Amino acid sequence: MIEIWDGQTDLRHLVEAWAKEWQGECDIDQGMRDLTYLKETDNAEVFVMNTGDEIVGALGITVLDMFFTKDCYSAVRYWYVLPQWRSHAMHLVRHASKWSKEMSCEKIMLCSNKLSLPCDDFYKAMGFREYETVYIGDL
C-alpha cells in the first residue's frame, strides 16, 4: 500500500539500507533531515510503500520552479526501495506522478547518474526519456 508519510514513522532503516547498498560516503542524519524537510515543505511530499508490517520504500518529491521553461516540473528528490520489494517500485512512481498532476505539473523528473544505483532500465520501462547530463566538479 502506498501512503503519505506521517512524518513520525521512522524511515532510518531505509536511509541506512540505501547507504549500505550504495557503499559510498553518505550522512544518514542528513538523509533523514532531507526527508523531514520534504515532509514540511508546502510543495513537496513523501510517499511510503507500507506492507502493513513495515515500510519498505519511500519516494520524496517536490515541485520545481524552472526558470528556463514555462512547464511546471516535479522532481524526485529521494527514493529507495528495499531490494526484495523493487518489483513493486512502480507504484511509488505512479503515486508521485498522480500527485504531480494534482500540483499542476506537466512533467516529472527522475535523476539518475553514476553516483546513484542503476535505475536506467526501470525508468525507460516506466516511459521516461533520458534528457540531459549533469557535470559535477570539485571546489
Protein backbone atom coordinates (compact mmCIF):
# COMPACT_ATOMS: atom_id res chain seq x y z
CA MET A 1 0.00 0.00 0.00
CA ILE A 2 1.27 3.47 -0.87
CA GLU A 3 0.51 6.25 1.58
CA ILE A 4 1.72 9.70 2.52
CA TRP A 5 4.40 9.58 5.20
CA ASP A 6 3.11 10.87 8.52
CA GLY A 7 6.50 12.43 9.37
CA GLN A 8 6.67 10.42 12.59
CA THR A 9 7.22 6.84 11.47
CA ASP A 10 10.94 6.08 11.47
CA LEU A 11 12.44 5.78 7.98
CA ARG A 12 16.03 5.50 9.18
CA HIS A 13 16.17 1.80 8.22
CA LEU A 14 15.59 2.80 4.58
CA VAL A 15 18.26 5.51 4.64
CA GLU A 16 20.70 3.07 6.27
CA ALA A 17 19.90 0.32 3.73
CA TRP A 18 20.44 2.77 0.86
CA ALA A 19 23.78 3.87 2.35
CA LYS A 20 24.92 0.26 2.76
CA GLU A 21 23.92 -0.68 -0.78
CA TRP A 22 25.45 2.44 -2.29
CA GLN A 23 28.75 1.85 -0.46
CA GLY A 24 29.70 5.49 -0.67
CA GLU A 25 30.18 8.31 1.75
CA CYS A 26 26.84 9.46 3.00
CA ASP A 27 25.43 11.14 6.05
CA ILE A 28 22.44 9.17 7.32
CA ASP A 29 21.35 12.01 9.59
CA GLN A 30 21.39 14.36 6.58
CA GLY A 31 19.27 11.86 4.68
CA MET A 32 16.72 11.93 7.47
CA ARG A 33 16.81 15.75 7.55
CA ASP A 34 16.17 15.79 3.79
CA LEU A 35 13.10 13.58 4.16
CA THR A 36 11.82 15.69 7.05
CA TYR A 37 12.40 18.88 5.02
CA LEU A 38 10.36 17.46 2.14
CA LYS A 39 7.57 16.49 4.54
CA GLU A 40 7.47 20.01 6.00
CA THR A 41 7.58 21.84 2.63
CA ASP A 42 4.30 23.04 1.11
CA ASN A 43 5.07 21.99 -2.46
CA ALA A 44 6.59 18.60 -1.61
CA GLU A 45 5.52 15.21 -0.32
CA VAL A 46 6.98 11.91 0.82
CA PHE A 47 5.23 8.70 -0.19
CA VAL A 48 5.97 5.39 1.53
CA MET A 49 5.33 1.81 0.49
CA ASN A 50 3.88 0.02 3.51
CA THR A 51 3.37 -3.76 3.67
CA GLY A 52 1.33 -3.46 6.85
CA ASP A 53 4.26 -4.80 8.84
CA GLU A 54 6.96 -2.40 7.70
CA ILE A 55 7.77 0.46 5.38
CA VAL A 56 9.81 -0.99 2.50
CA GLY A 57 10.26 2.06 0.27
CA ALA A 58 10.00 5.83 0.13
CA LEU A 59 9.85 8.50 -2.55
CA GLY A 60 10.21 12.21 -1.82
CA ILE A 61 9.09 14.65 -4.50
CA THR A 62 8.89 18.41 -4.87
CA VAL A 63 7.56 20.93 -7.38
CA LEU A 64 10.34 22.87 -9.10
CA ASP A 65 10.20 26.42 -10.38
CA MET A 66 12.01 26.16 -13.69
CA PHE A 67 13.36 29.48 -14.92
CA PHE A 68 14.10 28.24 -18.44
CA THR A 69 10.69 26.85 -19.41
CA LYS A 70 7.02 27.61 -18.92
CA ASP A 71 6.37 23.99 -17.97
CA CYS A 72 5.90 23.07 -14.33
CA TYR A 73 8.09 20.15 -13.28
CA SER A 74 8.16 17.93 -10.26
CA ALA A 75 11.40 16.29 -9.23
CA VAL A 76 12.05 13.14 -7.26
CA ARG A 77 14.47 14.20 -4.52
CA TYR A 78 14.70 10.92 -2.62
CA TRP A 79 13.80 7.40 -3.48
CA TYR A 80 14.74 3.99 -2.27
CA VAL A 81 13.01 0.61 -2.17
CA LEU A 82 14.40 -2.43 -0.34
CA PRO A 83 15.73 -4.92 -2.92
CA GLN A 84 13.13 -7.62 -2.28
CA TRP A 85 10.32 -5.10 -2.97
CA ARG A 86 11.68 -3.45 -6.14
CA SER A 87 9.24 -5.28 -8.39
CA HIS A 88 6.59 -3.05 -6.77
CA ALA A 89 8.56 0.21 -7.08
CA MET A 90 6.43 1.44 -9.99
CA HIS A 91 3.57 2.00 -7.53
CA LEU A 92 5.59 4.76 -5.82
CA VAL A 93 6.29 6.40 -9.19
CA ARG A 94 2.61 6.22 -10.16
CA HIS A 95 1.54 7.89 -6.91
CA ALA A 96 4.20 10.56 -7.37
CA SER A 97 3.01 11.13 -10.94
CA LYS A 98 -0.62 11.47 -9.83
CA TRP A 99 0.40 13.93 -7.08
CA SER A 100 2.45 15.89 -9.63
CA LYS A 101 -0.58 16.25 -11.91
CA GLU A 102 -2.64 17.45 -8.94
CA MET A 103 0.08 20.07 -8.33
CA SER A 104 -0.37 21.25 -11.98
CA CYS A 105 2.95 19.81 -13.15
CA GLU A 106 3.30 18.82 -16.79
CA LYS A 107 6.48 16.80 -16.33
CA ILE A 108 8.16 14.68 -13.68
CA MET A 109 11.92 14.36 -13.39
CA LEU A 110 13.76 11.33 -12.04
CA CYS A 111 17.51 11.78 -11.82
CA SER A 112 19.97 9.01 -12.47
CA ASN A 113 23.72 9.28 -12.54
CA LYS A 114 26.84 7.28 -11.90
CA LEU A 115 26.58 8.14 -8.19
CA SER A 116 23.17 6.53 -7.79
CA LEU A 117 22.05 2.95 -8.01
CA PRO A 118 21.45 1.91 -11.63
CA CYS A 119 17.82 2.56 -12.47
CA ASP A 120 18.01 3.46 -16.17
CA ASP A 121 16.21 0.33 -17.42
CA PHE A 122 13.45 0.81 -14.85
CA TYR A 123 12.96 4.47 -15.82
CA LYS A 124 12.79 3.59 -19.52
CA ALA A 125 10.29 0.80 -18.81
CA MET A 126 8.12 3.37 -16.99
CA GLY A 127 8.12 5.55 -20.12
CA PHE A 128 10.73 8.13 -19.10
CA ARG A 129 13.23 9.50 -21.61
CA GLU A 130 16.83 10.49 -20.99
CA TYR A 131 17.05 14.26 -21.18
CA GLU A 132 20.36 15.70 -20.07
CA THR A 133 23.69 15.01 -18.47
CA VAL A 134 24.88 16.52 -15.22
CA TYR A 135 28.51 17.51 -14.70
CA ILE A 136 29.94 17.81 -11.21
CA GLY A 137 33.21 19.48 -10.34
CA ASP A 138 35.26 19.66 -7.17
CA LEU A 139 35.57 23.02 -5.43
